[in-house]
C-alpha atoms as a PDB file:
ATOM      1  CA  MET A   1     165.405 -40.373 -96.651  1.00  0.00           C
ATOM      2  CA  PRO A   2     166.732 -42.777 -93.814  1.00  0.00           C
ATOM      3  CA  HIS A   3     166.964 -40.985 -90.486  1.00  0.00           C
ATOM      4  CA  GLU A   4     170.564 -40.587 -88.959  1.00  0.00           C
ATOM      5  CA  THR A   5     171.231 -42.410 -85.776  1.00  0.00           C
ATOM      6  CA  PRO A   6     172.833 -40.479 -83.334  1.00  0.00           C
ATOM      7  CA  GLU A   7     175.881 -42.569 -83.598  1.00  0.00           C
ATOM      8  CA  ALA A   8     176.396 -41.255 -87.211  1.00  0.00           C
ATOM      9  CA  GLY A   9     175.452 -37.758 -86.243  1.00  0.00           C
ATOM     10  CA  GLU A  10     178.440 -37.969 -83.156  1.00  0.00           C
ATOM     11  CA  ALA A  11     180.379 -39.253 -86.133  1.00  0.00           C
ATOM     12  CA  ALA A  12     179.465 -36.396 -88.284  1.00  0.00           C
ATOM     13  CA  GLU A  13     180.510 -33.806 -86.186  1.00  0.00           C
ATOM     14  CA  ALA A  14     183.578 -35.146 -84.474  1.00  0.00           C
ATOM     15  CA  THR A  15     186.065 -33.538 -86.431  1.00  0.00           C
ATOM     16  CA  LEU A  16     188.609 -32.450 -83.641  1.00  0.00           C
ATOM     17  CA  THR A  17     192.008 -34.250 -83.341  1.00  0.00           C
ATOM     18  CA  VAL A  18     193.148 -34.451 -79.616  1.00  0.00           C
ATOM     19  CA  ASP A  19     195.319 -31.830 -79.834  1.00  0.00           C
ATOM     20  CA  GLU A  20     192.504 -29.925 -81.081  1.00  0.00           C
ATOM     21  CA  LEU A  21     190.361 -30.655 -78.932  1.00  0.00           C
ATOM     22  CA  ALA A  22     192.672 -29.940 -75.458  1.00  0.00           C
ATOM     23  CA  ALA A  23     193.441 -26.784 -77.333  1.00  0.00           C
ATOM     24  CA  ARG A  24     190.097 -25.584 -77.828  1.00  0.00           C
ATOM     25  CA  ALA A  25     189.140 -26.559 -74.086  1.00  0.00           C
ATOM     26  CA  GLY A  26     192.517 -25.120 -72.791  1.00  0.00           C
ATOM     27  CA  VAL A  27     193.487 -28.363 -70.785  1.00  0.00           C
ATOM     28  CA  THR A  28     196.052 -30.455 -71.485  1.00  0.00           C
ATOM     29  CA  VAL A  29     196.123 -33.617 -74.286  1.00  0.00           C
ATOM     30  CA  ARG A  30     197.506 -36.021 -71.204  1.00  0.00           C
ATOM     31  CA  THR A  31     194.505 -34.341 -69.263  1.00  0.00           C
ATOM     32  CA  VAL A  32     191.732 -35.369 -72.324  1.00  0.00           C
ATOM     33  CA  ARG A  33     193.275 -38.946 -72.192  1.00  0.00           C
ATOM     34  CA  PHE A  34     192.842 -39.367 -68.318  1.00  0.00           C
ATOM     35  CA  TYR A  35     189.489 -38.345 -68.085  1.00  0.00           C
ATOM     36  CA  GLY A  36     188.764 -40.794 -70.383  1.00  0.00           C
ATOM     37  CA  THR A  37     190.082 -43.399 -69.072  1.00  0.00           C
ATOM     38  CA  ARG A  38     188.105 -41.918 -65.459  1.00  0.00           C
ATOM     39  CA  GLY A  39     184.728 -42.312 -68.037  1.00  0.00           C
ATOM     40  CA  LEU A  40     184.641 -39.124 -67.531  1.00  0.00           C
ATOM     41  CA  LEU A  41     184.561 -38.231 -71.132  1.00  0.00           C
ATOM     42  CA  PRO A  42     182.942 -40.489 -73.884  1.00  0.00           C
ATOM     43  CA  PRO A  43     185.318 -42.318 -76.158  1.00  0.00           C
ATOM     44  CA  PRO A  44     186.453 -40.863 -80.025  1.00  0.00           C
ATOM     45  CA  VAL A  45     185.076 -41.842 -83.216  1.00  0.00           C
ATOM     46  CA  ILE A  46     188.047 -43.841 -84.605  1.00  0.00           C
ATOM     47  CA  GLY A  47     188.408 -42.587 -88.265  1.00  0.00           C
ATOM     48  CA  PRO A  48     190.509 -43.290 -90.922  1.00  0.00           C
ATOM     49  CA  ARG A  49     194.208 -44.660 -90.126  1.00  0.00           C
ATOM     50  CA  ARG A  50     192.517 -45.482 -86.227  1.00  0.00           C
ATOM     51  CA  VAL A  51     192.696 -41.510 -85.661  1.00  0.00           C
ATOM     52  CA  GLY A  52     190.441 -40.912 -82.770  1.00  0.00           C
ATOM     53  CA  HIS A  53     187.889 -37.635 -83.522  1.00  0.00           C
ATOM     54  CA  TYR A  54     186.305 -35.608 -80.884  1.00  0.00           C
ATOM     55  CA  GLY A  55     183.321 -33.265 -81.413  1.00  0.00           C
ATOM     56  CA  ARG A  56     181.043 -30.509 -79.093  1.00  0.00           C
ATOM     57  CA  ALA A  57     179.988 -33.363 -76.916  1.00  0.00           C
ATOM     58  CA  HIS A  58     183.437 -33.688 -75.859  1.00  0.00           C
ATOM     59  CA  LEU A  59     184.110 -29.861 -75.627  1.00  0.00           C
ATOM     60  CA  SER A  60     180.984 -29.244 -73.605  1.00  0.00           C
ATOM     61  CA  ARG A  61     182.216 -32.366 -71.092  1.00  0.00           C
ATOM     62  CA  LEU A  62     185.595 -30.895 -70.764  1.00  0.00           C
ATOM     63  CA  ALA A  63     183.740 -27.162 -70.180  1.00  0.00           C
ATOM     64  CA  LEU A  64     181.383 -28.920 -67.161  1.00  0.00           C
ATOM     65  CA  ILE A  65     184.189 -30.163 -65.341  1.00  0.00           C
ATOM     66  CA  GLU A  66     186.079 -27.521 -65.415  1.00  0.00           C
ATOM     67  CA  GLU A  67     183.298 -25.371 -63.761  1.00  0.00           C
ATOM     68  CA  LEU A  68     182.511 -28.314 -61.092  1.00  0.00           C
ATOM     69  CA  GLN A  69     186.310 -27.556 -60.211  1.00  0.00           C
ATOM     70  CA  HIS A  70     186.382 -24.458 -59.765  1.00  0.00           C
ATOM     71  CA  GLN A  71     183.128 -25.300 -57.578  1.00  0.00           C
ATOM     72  CA  GLY A  72     186.153 -27.002 -55.769  1.00  0.00           C
ATOM     73  CA  LEU A  73     184.564 -30.704 -56.044  1.00  0.00           C
ATOM     74  CA  THR A  74     187.150 -33.167 -56.110  1.00  0.00           C
ATOM     75  CA  LEU A  75     187.593 -35.651 -58.730  1.00  0.00           C
ATOM     76  CA  ALA A  76     185.833 -38.230 -56.849  1.00  0.00           C
ATOM     77  CA  ALA A  77     182.401 -35.757 -56.641  1.00  0.00           C
ATOM     78  CA  ILE A  78     182.839 -34.864 -60.259  1.00  0.00           C
ATOM     79  CA  GLU A  79     182.793 -38.488 -61.228  1.00  0.00           C
ATOM     80  CA  ARG A  80     179.387 -38.972 -59.342  1.00  0.00           C
ATOM     81  CA  TYR A  81     178.213 -36.186 -60.580  1.00  0.00           C
ATOM     82  CA  VAL A  82     179.195 -36.619 -64.384  1.00  0.00           C
ATOM     83  CA  GLN A  83     177.951 -40.736 -63.988  1.00  0.00           C
ATOM     84  CA  ARG A  84     174.435 -39.418 -62.780  1.00  0.00           C
ATOM     85  CA  LEU A  85     174.127 -37.368 -65.960  1.00  0.00           C
ATOM     86  CA  PRO A  86     171.156 -38.596 -68.154  1.00  0.00           C
ATOM     87  CA  ASP A  87     173.428 -40.965 -71.126  1.00  0.00           C
ATOM     88  CA  ASP A  88     171.192 -39.097 -74.202  1.00  0.00           C
ATOM     89  CA  LEU A  89     172.284 -35.436 -73.057  1.00  0.00           C
ATOM     90  CA  SER A  90     172.823 -33.030 -75.950  1.00  0.00           C
ATOM     91  CA  PRO A  91     175.938 -30.533 -75.991  1.00  0.00           C
ATOM     92  CA  HIS A  92     173.597 -28.224 -75.667  1.00  0.00           C
ATOM     93  CA  ASP A  93     172.198 -29.726 -72.376  1.00  0.00           C
ATOM     94  CA  LEU A  94     175.530 -29.953 -71.107  1.00  0.00           C
ATOM     95  CA  ALA A  95     175.791 -26.281 -71.523  1.00  0.00           C
ATOM     96  CA  ILE A  96     173.059 -25.471 -69.989  1.00  0.00           C
ATOM     97  CA  HIS A  97     174.037 -27.731 -67.150  1.00  0.00           C
ATOM     98  CA  ARG A  98     177.623 -25.627 -67.014  1.00  0.00           C
ATOM     99  CA  ALA A  99     175.782 -22.515 -67.128  1.00  0.00           C
ATOM    100  CA  MET A 100     173.364 -23.368 -63.873  1.00  0.00           C
ATOM    101  CA  VAL A 101     176.770 -24.785 -61.988  1.00  0.00           C
ATOM    102  CA  ALA A 102     178.519 -21.485 -62.987  1.00  0.00           C
ATOM    103  CA  SER A 103     175.686 -19.160 -61.513  1.00  0.00           C
ATOM    104  CA  TRP A 104     176.720 -20.649 -58.095  1.00  0.00           C
ATOM    105  CA  THR A 105     179.971 -18.397 -58.389  1.00  0.00           C
ATOM    106  CA  PRO A 106     180.449 -14.728 -58.341  1.00  0.00           C
ATOM    107  CA  ASP A 107     180.828 -12.990 -61.404  1.00  0.00           C
ATOM    108  CA  LYS A 108     184.495 -13.521 -63.216  1.00  0.00           C
ATOM    109  CA  ALA A 109     184.324 -11.595 -66.682  1.00  0.00           C
ATOM    110  CA  GLU A 110     187.502 -12.066 -68.736  1.00  0.00           C
ATOM    111  CA  GLU A 111     189.003  -9.440 -70.951  1.00  0.00           C
ATOM    112  CA  THR A 112     189.579 -11.032 -74.592  1.00  0.00           C
ATOM    113  CA  THR A 113     190.338  -9.373 -78.309  1.00  0.00           C
ATOM    114  CA  ARG A 114     187.637 -10.488 -81.117  1.00  0.00           C
ATOM    115  CA  ALA A 115     190.340 -12.170 -82.581  1.00  0.00           C
ATOM    116  CA  GLN A 116     191.059 -14.776 -79.583  1.00  0.00           C
ATOM    117  CA  LEU A 117     186.970 -14.349 -78.832  1.00  0.00           C
ATOM    118  CA  GLU A 118     186.857 -16.030 -82.322  1.00  0.00           C
ATOM    119  CA  ARG A 119     189.410 -18.781 -81.629  1.00  0.00           C
ATOM    120  CA  ARG A 120     188.086 -19.987 -78.268  1.00  0.00           C
ATOM    121  CA  VAL A 121     184.342 -20.735 -79.863  1.00  0.00           C
ATOM    122  CA  GLY A 122     185.894 -21.372 -83.187  1.00  0.00           C
ATOM    123  CA  ARG A 123     184.064 -19.478 -85.704  1.00  0.00           C
ATOM    124  CA  PRO A 124     184.033 -15.823 -87.010  1.00  0.00           C
ATOM    125  CA  LEU A 125     181.700 -13.728 -85.213  1.00  0.00           C
ATOM    126  CA  ALA A 126     179.846 -10.704 -87.797  1.00  0.00           C
ATOM    127  CA  GLU A 127     178.831  -7.561 -85.697  1.00  0.00           C
ATOM    128  CA  ASP A 128     174.920  -8.929 -85.648  1.00  0.00           C
ATOM    129  CA  ASP A 129     176.617 -11.789 -83.470  1.00  0.00           C
ATOM    130  CA  ILE A 130     178.586  -9.472 -81.074  1.00  0.00           C
ATOM    131  CA  ALA A 131     175.230  -6.917 -80.657  1.00  0.00           C
ATOM    132  CA  ARG A 132     173.061 -10.496 -79.873  1.00  0.00           C
ATOM    133  CA  LEU A 133     175.946 -11.361 -77.545  1.00  0.00           C
ATOM    134  CA  ALA A 134     176.403  -8.033 -75.740  1.00  0.00           C
ATOM    135  CA  ALA A 135     172.392  -8.476 -75.423  1.00  0.00           C
ATOM    136  CA  MET A 136     172.312 -11.535 -73.828  1.00  0.00           C
ATOM    137  CA  ASN A 137     175.169 -10.028 -71.348  1.00  0.00           C
ATOM    138  CA  VAL A 138     177.683 -12.689 -72.499  1.00  0.00           C
ATOM    139  CA  LEU A 139     179.998  -9.996 -73.452  1.00  0.00           C
ATOM    140  CA  GLU A 140     180.034  -6.010 -73.530  1.00  0.00           C
ATOM    141  CA  ARG A 141     182.764  -3.738 -75.095  1.00  0.00           C
ATOM    142  CA  THR A 142     185.293  -2.817 -72.634  1.00  0.00           C
ATOM    143  CA  ALA A 143     185.311   1.323 -71.554  1.00  0.00           C
ATOM    144  CA  GLU A 144     188.106   1.882 -73.955  1.00  0.00           C
ATOM    145  CA  ASP A 145     186.482   0.568 -77.107  1.00  0.00           C
ATOM    146  CA  ASP A 146     189.862  -0.455 -77.973  1.00  0.00           C
ATOM    147  CA  GLY A 147     188.535  -3.929 -79.621  1.00  0.00           C
ATOM    148  CA  THR A 148     188.923  -5.950 -76.519  1.00  0.00           C
ATOM    149  CA  PHE A 149     185.685  -7.179 -74.530  1.00  0.00           C
ATOM    150  CA  ARG A 150     184.486  -8.388 -71.166  1.00  0.00           C
ATOM    151  CA  VAL A 151     183.382 -11.809 -71.757  1.00  0.00           C
ATOM    152  CA  ASP A 152     181.541 -14.208 -68.345  1.00  0.00           C
ATOM    153  CA  PRO A 153     182.643 -17.516 -69.466  1.00  0.00           C
ATOM    154  CA  ALA A 154     179.773 -19.113 -68.230  1.00  0.00           C
ATOM    155  CA  LEU A 155     177.620 -17.878 -70.367  1.00  0.00           C
ATOM    156  CA  LEU A 156     179.813 -18.069 -73.672  1.00  0.00           C
ATOM    157  CA  GLN A 157     178.938 -21.159 -75.340  1.00  0.00           C
ATOM    158  CA  LEU A 158     175.693 -21.294 -74.268  1.00  0.00           C
ATOM    159  CA  GLY A 159     175.062 -18.207 -75.653  1.00  0.00           C
ATOM    160  CA  VAL A 160     177.063 -19.062 -79.440  1.00  0.00           C
ATOM    161  CA  ALA A 161     174.921 -21.592 -79.350  1.00  0.00           C
ATOM    162  CA  LEU A 162     171.811 -19.416 -79.120  1.00  0.00           C
ATOM    163  CA  LEU A 163     172.873 -17.549 -82.575  1.00  0.00           C
ATOM    164  CA  ASP A 164     171.857 -20.382 -84.702  1.00  0.00           C
ATOM    165  CA  VAL A 165     168.866 -20.723 -82.922  1.00  0.00           C
ATOM    166  CA  PRO A 166     166.054 -19.091 -85.240  1.00  0.00           C
ATOM    167  CA  MET A 167     163.962 -17.026 -82.961  1.00  0.00           C
ATOM    168  CA  THR A 168     164.530 -13.093 -82.474  1.00  0.00           C
ATOM    169  CA  LEU A 169     166.639 -11.633 -80.212  1.00  0.00           C
ATOM    170  CA  GLU A 170     163.270 -10.203 -78.333  1.00  0.00           C
ATOM    171  CA  THR A 171     162.031 -13.826 -78.081  1.00  0.00           C
ATOM    172  CA  ILE A 172     165.605 -14.994 -76.669  1.00  0.00           C
ATOM    173  CA  LEU A 173     165.027 -11.843 -74.052  1.00  0.00           C
ATOM    174  CA  ALA A 174     161.753 -12.617 -73.361  1.00  0.00           C
ATOM    175  CA  ALA A 175     162.774 -16.286 -72.173  1.00  0.00           C
ATOM    176  CA  ARG A 176     165.420 -15.171 -70.038  1.00  0.00           C
ATOM    177  CA  GLY A 177     162.965 -13.181 -68.115  1.00  0.00           C
ATOM    178  CA  VAL A 178     160.529 -16.306 -67.608  1.00  0.00           C
ATOM    179  CA  LEU A 179     163.565 -18.457 -66.435  1.00  0.00           C
ATOM    180  CA  LEU A 180     165.146 -15.917 -64.394  1.00  0.00           C
ATOM    181  CA  GLU A 181     162.051 -14.910 -62.994  1.00  0.00           C
ATOM    182  CA  HIS A 182     161.265 -18.547 -61.787  1.00  0.00           C
ATOM    183  CA  ALA A 183     164.663 -19.508 -60.797  1.00  0.00           C
ATOM    184  CA  ARG A 184     164.492 -16.705 -58.407  1.00  0.00           C
ATOM    185  CA  ALA A 185     161.109 -17.953 -56.997  1.00  0.00           C
ATOM    186  CA  THR A 186     162.570 -21.770 -56.678  1.00  0.00           C
ATOM    187  CA  ALA A 187     165.753 -20.446 -55.328  1.00  0.00           C
ATOM    188  CA  ARG A 188     163.662 -18.589 -52.029  1.00  0.00           C
ATOM    189  CA  GLU A 189     161.502 -21.557 -51.880  1.00  0.00           C
ATOM    190  CA  LEU A 190     164.689 -24.172 -51.043  1.00  0.00           C
ATOM    191  CA  THR A 191     166.278 -21.359 -49.451  1.00  0.00           C
ATOM    192  CA  ARG A 192     163.489 -21.362 -47.032  1.00  0.00           C
ATOM    193  CA  LEU A 193     162.981 -24.679 -46.909  1.00  0.00           C
ATOM    194  CA  PHE A 194     166.787 -25.351 -45.859  1.00  0.00           C
ATOM    195  CA  HIS A 195     166.240 -22.842 -43.370  1.00  0.00           C
ATOM    196  CA  ASP A 196     163.617 -24.033 -41.446  1.00  0.00           C
ATOM    197  CA  GLU A 197     164.202 -27.902 -41.919  1.00  0.00           C
ATOM    198  CA  VAL A 198     167.946 -28.200 -42.208  1.00  0.00           C
ATOM    199  CA  TRP A 199     169.681 -25.216 -40.390  1.00  0.00           C
ATOM    200  CA  GLY A 200     166.749 -24.705 -37.731  1.00  0.00           C
ATOM    201  CA  PRO A 201     167.280 -28.082 -36.183  1.00  0.00           C
ATOM    202  CA  TYR A 202     171.046 -28.228 -36.475  1.00  0.00           C
ATOM    203  CA  ARG A 203     171.579 -24.682 -34.261  1.00  0.00           C
ATOM    204  CA  GLU A 204     170.011 -26.993 -31.595  1.00  0.00           C
ATOM    205  CA  ARG A 205     172.585 -29.578 -32.243  1.00  0.00           C
ATOM    206  CA  GLU A 206     175.791 -27.572 -33.100  1.00  0.00           C
ATOM    207  CA  SER A 207     177.500 -28.240 -29.707  1.00  0.00           C
ATOM    208  CA  ASP A 208     177.934 -32.124 -30.950  1.00  0.00           C
ATOM    209  CA  PRO A 209     181.183 -31.901 -32.589  1.00  0.00           C
ATOM    210  CA  GLU A 210     179.543 -34.782 -35.548  1.00  0.00           C
ATOM    211  CA  GLU A 211     176.800 -32.863 -36.431  1.00  0.00           C
ATOM    212  CA  VAL A 212     179.130 -29.860 -37.271  1.00  0.00           C
ATOM    213  CA  GLU A 213     180.929 -31.523 -40.090  1.00  0.00           C
ATOM    214  CA  ALA A 214     178.132 -33.122 -40.952  1.00  0.00           C
ATOM    215  CA  MET A 215     176.965 -29.623 -41.991  1.00  0.00           C
ATOM    216  CA  LYS A 216     179.921 -28.307 -43.357  1.00  0.00           C
ATOM    217  CA  SER A 217     179.975 -31.625 -45.778  1.00  0.00           C
ATOM    218  CA  LEU A 218     176.161 -30.839 -46.506  1.00  0.00           C
ATOM    219  CA  SER A 219     176.885 -26.957 -47.247  1.00  0.00           C
ATOM    220  CA  ALA A 220     179.746 -28.269 -49.496  1.00  0.00           C
ATOM    221  CA  HIS A 221     178.478 -30.440 -51.777  1.00  0.00           C
ATOM    222  CA  MET A 222     174.294 -28.994 -51.529  1.00  0.00           C
ATOM    223  CA  GLN A 223     174.843 -26.412 -54.368  1.00  0.00           C
ATOM    224  CA  PRO A 224     175.958 -28.688 -56.989  1.00  0.00           C
ATOM    225  CA  MET A 225     173.393 -31.697 -56.072  1.00  0.00           C
ATOM    226  CA  VAL A 226     170.995 -29.119 -56.110  1.00  0.00           C
ATOM    227  CA  VAL A 227     171.928 -27.498 -59.160  1.00  0.00           C
ATOM    228  CA  GLN A 228     171.996 -31.083 -61.027  1.00  0.00           C
ATOM    229  CA  ALA A 229     168.390 -31.964 -59.412  1.00  0.00           C
ATOM    230  CA  LEU A 230     167.069 -28.482 -60.932  1.00  0.00           C
ATOM    231  CA  VAL A 231     168.304 -28.960 -64.220  1.00  0.00           C
ATOM    232  CA  THR A 232     167.231 -32.443 -64.880  1.00  0.00           C
ATOM    233  CA  ALA A 233     164.031 -31.491 -63.471  1.00  0.00           C
ATOM    234  CA  PHE A 234     163.635 -28.825 -65.812  1.00  0.00           C
ATOM    235  CA  GLN A 235     164.794 -30.544 -69.072  1.00  0.00           C
ATOM    236  CA  ARG A 236     162.391 -33.781 -68.249  1.00  0.00           C
ATOM    237  CA  SER A 237     159.713 -30.951 -67.753  1.00  0.00           C
ATOM    238  CA  LEU A 238     160.568 -29.133 -71.172  1.00  0.00           C
ATOM    239  CA  LYS A 239     160.756 -32.164 -73.048  1.00  0.00           C
ATOM    240  CA  HIS A 240     157.289 -33.208 -71.918  1.00  0.00           C
ATOM    241  CA  GLU A 241     155.571 -30.339 -72.565  1.00  0.00           C
ATOM    242  CA  LEU A 242     156.888 -29.928 -75.947  1.00  0.00           C
ATOM    243  CA  LYS A 243     155.846 -33.435 -76.519  1.00  0.00           C
ATOM    244  CA  GLN A 244     151.862 -32.497 -75.134  1.00  0.00           C
ATOM    245  CA  THR A 245     152.338 -29.121 -77.836  1.00  0.00           C
ATOM    246  CA  TYR A 246     153.533 -30.631 -80.517  1.00  0.00           C
ATOM    247  CA  GLY A 247     153.287 -34.458 -80.545  1.00  0.00           C
ATOM    248  CA  GLY A 248     155.730 -37.233 -81.328  1.00  0.00           C
END
């Protein structure tokens, strides 16, 4: 059987029109096209009758752009962030980036009905799916138990993607525990490094207006930059470990 090229794979899963993509992403068609002209979205796959079609990669990029906007980044800063991303990132990789970026913001759960939730993720959800998403802290039933859910939008797409991973719920939860443990340790060490090497020297020069502005600028942009560095390093390390373990 011939191997499927990346281009063929993208074409096979590009089934959304620009209107459908905009509706799924919660943006306007004009926004989708504007992002395309700025290079924030890859071009659509051109199908019959010269109609452009979009897929999961476009949805994942739109979600990442939205999260970066929530972080307060300007369009120029978002463009720089996206341009630094590796070209071969899959929709799953982009979902991890978004989840990591969103982890810097306070929890902002949203209430939604089962029908709204299924429209948002683009698939029906069985009771077992709901239970797995709840165990991953992606959602929970409201106290009224009236068929509505409180959903963490930062984790929703990643959680839904994990539903198709052939792993038991126990394995997923164990992996989540490993990630949280090491993420907290990394955060502690980076905070200590920033406090000792950046904040300390700055305190000695805080009477200088230029130093104050430089520190404000650094603080505003540090978190997304650190997140991107962490995610990229993790993805490369994981690929290396998988190659060492399974070959290929």
